[in-house]
Structures are given as structure tokens and as C-alpha cells.
Amino acid sequence: MSSQVLPRCQCCQEVPAEGLYDGIRIQGILFCSECCHRIALSSTDSFFYQRFLSGVKKALFPMKY
């Protein structure tokens, strides 16, 4: 029985396909490559964009959010 602790994306809460080496980290908070790709294609008024932005703010300013 393996007791691996895998990272989860701050935005989609999924374990990234490539594990530790997938996506970007900001202040130790992971954003998977799929969500990074989706954010590049999203409009600024979409729900996904706002959720991603909230995650980035939480990573950069943990005491405020």
C-alpha cells in the first residue's frame, strides 16, 4: 500500500496528469497546465477566469483572502 501525497490544482482541485511536474507553482500553490491553458483562452468576465484569479490572489496575499 502506497501512501503518496499528490498535489492538487488550486483551481480545479484535480491531481495534475504529470504530478509534481505539471503546471506552475506560485508561492507553493499549484495551478495545473490544463487550467493554465484554459485561462489563456478565457475571457476576463468568465467564471473560470474569476476563480483562477482568486486562487492567484490567495497564493500571493494569503492573509487577505
C-alpha atoms as a PDB file:
ATOM      1  CA  MET A   1       0.000   0.000   0.000  1.00  0.00           C
ATOM      2  CA  SER A   2       1.464   3.315  -1.091  1.00  0.00           C
ATOM      3  CA  SER A   3       0.784   6.468   0.883  1.00  0.00           C
ATOM      4  CA  GLN A   4       1.682   9.099  -1.709  1.00  0.00           C
ATOM      5  CA  VAL A   5       0.590  12.650  -1.182  1.00  0.00           C
ATOM      6  CA  LEU A   6      -0.089  14.165  -4.578  1.00  0.00           C
ATOM      7  CA  PRO A   7      -0.533  17.869  -5.279  1.00  0.00           C
ATOM      8  CA  ARG A   8      -3.915  19.259  -6.288  1.00  0.00           C
ATOM      9  CA  CYS A   9      -4.542  22.213  -8.539  1.00  0.00           C
ATOM     10  CA  GLN A  10      -5.809  25.265  -6.665  1.00  0.00           C
ATOM     11  CA  CYS A  11      -8.310  25.961  -9.410  1.00  0.00           C
ATOM     12  CA  CYS A  12      -9.824  22.607 -10.416  1.00  0.00           C
ATOM     13  CA  GLN A  13      -8.868  20.588  -7.308  1.00  0.00           C
ATOM     14  CA  GLU A  14      -7.667  17.699  -9.516  1.00  0.00           C
ATOM     15  CA  VAL A  15      -4.344  15.881  -9.328  1.00  0.00           C
ATOM     16  CA  PRO A  16      -2.359  17.033 -12.378  1.00  0.00           C
ATOM     17  CA  ALA A  17      -1.642  14.465 -15.090  1.00  0.00           C
ATOM     18  CA  GLU A  18       2.131  14.851 -14.688  1.00  0.00           C
ATOM     19  CA  GLY A  19       2.031  15.022 -10.884  1.00  0.00           C
ATOM     20  CA  LEU A  20       4.615  17.301  -9.295  1.00  0.00           C
ATOM     21  CA  TYR A  21       5.998  18.429 -12.632  1.00  0.00           C
ATOM     22  CA  ASP A  22       2.768  19.667 -14.203  1.00  0.00           C
ATOM     23  CA  GLY A  23       1.735  23.321 -14.332  1.00  0.00           C
ATOM     24  CA  ILE A  24       3.121  26.232 -12.360  1.00  0.00           C
ATOM     25  CA  ARG A  25       3.541  26.994  -8.685  1.00  0.00           C
ATOM     26  CA  ILE A  26       3.054  30.411  -7.149  1.00  0.00           C
ATOM     27  CA  GLN A  27       4.205  30.672  -3.551  1.00  0.00           C
ATOM     28  CA  GLY A  28       3.907  26.893  -3.287  1.00  0.00           C
ATOM     29  CA  ILE A  29       0.345  26.755  -4.659  1.00  0.00           C
ATOM     30  CA  LEU A  30      -0.062  24.628  -7.787  1.00  0.00           C
ATOM     31  CA  PHE A  31      -2.011  25.533 -10.920  1.00  0.00           C
ATOM     32  CA  CYS A  32      -2.092  22.589 -13.375  1.00  0.00           C
ATOM     33  CA  SER A  33      -1.125  23.017 -17.022  1.00  0.00           C
ATOM     34  CA  GLU A  34      -4.707  22.330 -18.149  1.00  0.00           C
ATOM     35  CA  CYS A  35      -6.048  25.228 -16.066  1.00  0.00           C
ATOM     36  CA  CYS A  36      -3.186  27.462 -17.234  1.00  0.00           C
ATOM     37  CA  HIS A  37      -4.120  26.648 -20.820  1.00  0.00           C
ATOM     38  CA  ARG A  38      -7.822  27.297 -20.132  1.00  0.00           C
ATOM     39  CA  ILE A  39      -7.075  30.664 -18.516  1.00  0.00           C
ATOM     40  CA  ALA A  40      -5.154  31.757 -21.607  1.00  0.00           C
ATOM     41  CA  LEU A  41      -8.301  31.119 -23.689  1.00  0.00           C
ATOM     42  CA  SER A  42     -10.854  32.518 -21.205  1.00  0.00           C
ATOM     43  CA  SER A  43     -12.444  35.928 -21.263  1.00  0.00           C
ATOM     44  CA  THR A  44     -11.983  38.120 -18.197  1.00  0.00           C
ATOM     45  CA  ASP A  45     -15.674  38.012 -17.324  1.00  0.00           C
ATOM     46  CA  SER A  46     -15.920  34.201 -17.240  1.00  0.00           C
ATOM     47  CA  PHE A  47     -16.450  32.268 -14.017  1.00  0.00           C
ATOM     48  CA  PHE A  48     -13.295  30.212 -14.624  1.00  0.00           C
ATOM     49  CA  TYR A  49     -11.152  33.341 -15.005  1.00  0.00           C
ATOM     50  CA  GLN A  50     -12.503  34.790 -11.778  1.00  0.00           C
ATOM     51  CA  ARG A  51     -11.882  31.512  -9.891  1.00  0.00           C
ATOM     52  CA  PHE A  52      -8.315  31.331 -11.261  1.00  0.00           C
ATOM     53  CA  LEU A  53      -7.703  34.960 -10.310  1.00  0.00           C
ATOM     54  CA  SER A  54      -8.986  34.267  -6.801  1.00  0.00           C
ATOM     55  CA  GLY A  55      -6.519  31.380  -6.481  1.00  0.00           C
ATOM     56  CA  VAL A  56      -3.625  33.561  -7.611  1.00  0.00           C
ATOM     57  CA  LYS A  57      -4.610  36.258  -5.114  1.00  0.00           C
ATOM     58  CA  LYS A  58      -4.783  33.641  -2.373  1.00  0.00           C
ATOM     59  CA  ALA A  59      -1.282  32.484  -3.297  1.00  0.00           C
ATOM     60  CA  LEU A  60       0.193  35.977  -3.372  1.00  0.00           C
ATOM     61  CA  PHE A  61      -1.695  37.528  -0.457  1.00  0.00           C
ATOM     62  CA  PRO A  62      -2.640  34.667   1.927  1.00  0.00           C
ATOM     63  CA  MET A  63      -3.540  36.929   4.855  1.00  0.00           C
ATOM     64  CA  LYS A  64      -6.119  38.944   2.884  1.00  0.00           C
ATOM     65  CA  TYR A  65      -8.029  36.100   1.220  1.00  0.00           C
END
